[in-house]
């Protein structure tokens, strides 16, 4: 029984840090606001955003999300891509490719 819980913890442990990024001496964690990340990490090298889907009268549709991607780097040859949904940090991905084209394609 204890081994089963230990295995579950070990398997879920890497998921806890999927949206963490270090900016100098500061650590930005999942759920951090967009303004907090920019304040901690500075202006990104590249940025792309997609607003929520709008109705014909200009009002956002119910349940529509705003997506934004920030790219920082290169740090050690890798770029850090941060995905925000409704201004909350959702995911961090490391890539070797510099930002080009459509950053919103994951």
C-alpha atoms as a PDB file:
ATOM      1  CA  UNK A   1       0.000   0.000   0.000  1.00  0.00           C
ATOM      2  CA  UNK A   2       2.798   2.442   0.908  1.00  0.00           C
ATOM      3  CA  UNK A   3       4.676   1.517  -2.256  1.00  0.00           C
ATOM      4  CA  UNK A   4       1.622   2.426  -4.352  1.00  0.00           C
ATOM      5  CA  UNK A   5       1.419   5.917  -2.803  1.00  0.00           C
ATOM      6  CA  UNK A   6       5.156   6.399  -3.187  1.00  0.00           C
ATOM      7  CA  UNK A   7       4.951   5.456  -6.857  1.00  0.00           C
ATOM      8  CA  UNK A   8       2.057   7.867  -7.402  1.00  0.00           C
ATOM      9  CA  UNK A   9       3.997  10.713  -5.771  1.00  0.00           C
ATOM     10  CA  UNK A  10       7.126   9.967  -7.785  1.00  0.00           C
ATOM     11  CA  UNK A  11       5.151   9.909 -11.032  1.00  0.00           C
ATOM     12  CA  UNK A  12       3.276  13.147 -10.287  1.00  0.00           C
ATOM     13  CA  UNK A  13       6.275  15.079  -8.966  1.00  0.00           C
ATOM     14  CA  UNK A  14       7.542  16.199 -12.403  1.00  0.00           C
ATOM     15  CA  UNK A  15       4.059  17.525 -13.258  1.00  0.00           C
ATOM     16  CA  UNK A  16       4.268  19.985 -10.373  1.00  0.00           C
ATOM     17  CA  UNK A  17       7.051  21.909 -12.104  1.00  0.00           C
ATOM     18  CA  UNK A  18       5.726  21.956 -15.680  1.00  0.00           C
ATOM     19  CA  UNK A  19       4.950  25.659 -15.432  1.00  0.00           C
ATOM     20  CA  UNK A  20       7.856  26.928 -13.320  1.00  0.00           C
ATOM     21  CA  UNK A  21      10.515  29.262 -14.682  1.00  0.00           C
ATOM     22  CA  UNK A  22      13.503  30.868 -13.018  1.00  0.00           C
ATOM     23  CA  UNK A  23      14.176  34.514 -13.806  1.00  0.00           C
ATOM     24  CA  UNK A  24      17.437  35.485 -12.175  1.00  0.00           C
ATOM     25  CA  UNK A  25      16.918  34.854  -8.469  1.00  0.00           C
ATOM     26  CA  UNK A  26      13.121  34.727  -8.737  1.00  0.00           C
ATOM     27  CA  UNK A  27      10.944  31.676  -9.367  1.00  0.00           C
ATOM     28  CA  UNK A  28       7.694  32.129 -11.253  1.00  0.00           C
ATOM     29  CA  UNK A  29       5.203  29.282 -10.756  1.00  0.00           C
ATOM     30  CA  UNK A  30       2.084  28.051 -12.524  1.00  0.00           C
ATOM     31  CA  UNK A  31      -0.871  30.357 -12.094  1.00  0.00           C
ATOM     32  CA  UNK A  32       1.281  33.485 -11.901  1.00  0.00           C
ATOM     33  CA  UNK A  33      -0.184  36.534 -13.602  1.00  0.00           C
ATOM     34  CA  UNK A  34       1.160  37.869 -16.879  1.00  0.00           C
ATOM     35  CA  UNK A  35       2.082  41.217 -15.307  1.00  0.00           C
ATOM     36  CA  UNK A  36       3.975  39.445 -12.486  1.00  0.00           C
ATOM     37  CA  UNK A  37       5.986  37.381 -14.975  1.00  0.00           C
ATOM     38  CA  UNK A  38       6.929  40.417 -17.075  1.00  0.00           C
ATOM     39  CA  UNK A  39       7.881  42.284 -13.892  1.00  0.00           C
ATOM     40  CA  UNK A  40      10.068  39.390 -12.695  1.00  0.00           C
ATOM     41  CA  UNK A  41      11.577  38.324 -16.035  1.00  0.00           C
ATOM     42  CA  UNK A  42      11.571  41.560 -18.026  1.00  0.00           C
ATOM     43  CA  UNK A  43      10.281  42.096 -21.543  1.00  0.00           C
ATOM     44  CA  UNK A  44      10.235  38.938 -23.696  1.00  0.00           C
ATOM     45  CA  UNK A  45      12.226  38.529 -26.898  1.00  0.00           C
ATOM     46  CA  UNK A  46       8.986  37.674 -28.727  1.00  0.00           C
ATOM     47  CA  UNK A  47       5.312  37.851 -27.910  1.00  0.00           C
ATOM     48  CA  UNK A  48       2.062  36.756 -29.577  1.00  0.00           C
ATOM     49  CA  UNK A  49      -1.525  36.922 -28.425  1.00  0.00           C
ATOM     50  CA  UNK A  50      -4.943  35.814 -29.539  1.00  0.00           C
ATOM     51  CA  UNK A  51      -7.901  37.561 -27.994  1.00  0.00           C
ATOM     52  CA  UNK A  52     -11.099  35.788 -27.054  1.00  0.00           C
ATOM     53  CA  UNK A  53     -13.590  35.034 -29.824  1.00  0.00           C
ATOM     54  CA  UNK A  54     -16.026  37.922 -30.198  1.00  0.00           C
ATOM     55  CA  UNK A  55     -19.692  38.072 -31.044  1.00  0.00           C
ATOM     56  CA  UNK A  56     -20.882  40.280 -33.902  1.00  0.00           C
ATOM     57  CA  UNK A  57     -21.502  43.110 -31.405  1.00  0.00           C
ATOM     58  CA  UNK A  58     -17.895  43.001 -30.149  1.00  0.00           C
ATOM     59  CA  UNK A  59     -18.635  41.311 -26.819  1.00  0.00           C
ATOM     60  CA  UNK A  60     -16.471  38.242 -26.009  1.00  0.00           C
ATOM     61  CA  UNK A  61     -18.262  34.921 -26.360  1.00  0.00           C
ATOM     62  CA  UNK A  62     -19.098  33.056 -23.186  1.00  0.00           C
ATOM     63  CA  UNK A  63     -16.235  30.743 -22.211  1.00  0.00           C
ATOM     64  CA  UNK A  64     -13.835  32.213 -24.808  1.00  0.00           C
ATOM     65  CA  UNK A  65     -10.220  32.383 -23.649  1.00  0.00           C
ATOM     66  CA  UNK A  66      -7.450  34.851 -24.335  1.00  0.00           C
ATOM     67  CA  UNK A  67      -4.163  33.094 -25.185  1.00  0.00           C
ATOM     68  CA  UNK A  68      -0.722  34.659 -25.068  1.00  0.00           C
ATOM     69  CA  UNK A  69       2.774  33.266 -25.603  1.00  0.00           C
ATOM     70  CA  UNK A  70       5.975  34.920 -24.396  1.00  0.00           C
ATOM     71  CA  UNK A  71       9.426  33.743 -25.521  1.00  0.00           C
ATOM     72  CA  UNK A  72      12.552  34.330 -23.421  1.00  0.00           C
ATOM     73  CA  UNK A  73      16.113  33.381 -24.276  1.00  0.00           C
ATOM     74  CA  UNK A  74      18.321  32.053 -25.469  1.00  0.00           C
ATOM     75  CA  UNK A  75      19.585  30.715 -22.159  1.00  0.00           C
ATOM     76  CA  UNK A  76      22.165  27.982 -22.545  1.00  0.00           C
ATOM     77  CA  UNK A  77      21.101  27.594 -26.168  1.00  0.00           C
ATOM     78  CA  UNK A  78      17.427  27.032 -25.320  1.00  0.00           C
ATOM     79  CA  UNK A  79      14.409  29.286 -25.527  1.00  0.00           C
ATOM     80  CA  UNK A  80      11.673  29.318 -22.902  1.00  0.00           C
ATOM     81  CA  UNK A  81       8.135  29.613 -24.252  1.00  0.00           C
ATOM     82  CA  UNK A  82       5.477  30.573 -21.694  1.00  0.00           C
ATOM     83  CA  UNK A  83       1.807  29.934 -22.481  1.00  0.00           C
ATOM     84  CA  UNK A  84      -0.795  32.069 -20.696  1.00  0.00           C
ATOM     85  CA  UNK A  85      -4.535  31.536 -20.712  1.00  0.00           C
ATOM     86  CA  UNK A  86      -6.557  34.519 -19.490  1.00  0.00           C
ATOM     87  CA  UNK A  87      -3.330  36.117 -18.165  1.00  0.00           C
ATOM     88  CA  UNK A  88      -2.424  33.116 -15.969  1.00  0.00           C
ATOM     89  CA  UNK A  89       0.711  31.031 -16.602  1.00  0.00           C
ATOM     90  CA  UNK A  90      -0.382  27.627 -17.832  1.00  0.00           C
ATOM     91  CA  UNK A  91       2.678  25.948 -19.358  1.00  0.00           C
ATOM     92  CA  UNK A  92       6.412  26.434 -19.903  1.00  0.00           C
ATOM     93  CA  UNK A  93       8.223  24.708 -22.740  1.00  0.00           C
ATOM     94  CA  UNK A  94      11.937  24.646 -23.593  1.00  0.00           C
ATOM     95  CA  UNK A  95      12.919  24.590 -27.277  1.00  0.00           C
ATOM     96  CA  UNK A  96      16.122  24.970 -29.254  1.00  0.00           C
ATOM     97  CA  UNK A  97      14.381  26.882 -32.043  1.00  0.00           C
ATOM     98  CA  UNK A  98      14.270  30.673 -31.831  1.00  0.00           C
ATOM     99  CA  UNK A  99      10.835  32.286 -32.004  1.00  0.00           C
ATOM    100  CA  UNK A 100       9.614  32.694 -35.560  1.00  0.00           C
ATOM    101  CA  UNK A 101       6.308  32.377 -37.326  1.00  0.00           C
ATOM    102  CA  UNK A 102       3.155  31.676 -35.308  1.00  0.00           C
ATOM    103  CA  UNK A 103       4.115  31.410 -31.618  1.00  0.00           C
ATOM    104  CA  UNK A 104       0.602  30.312 -30.720  1.00  0.00           C
ATOM    105  CA  UNK A 105       1.093  26.919 -32.423  1.00  0.00           C
ATOM    106  CA  UNK A 106       1.999  24.407 -29.723  1.00  0.00           C
END
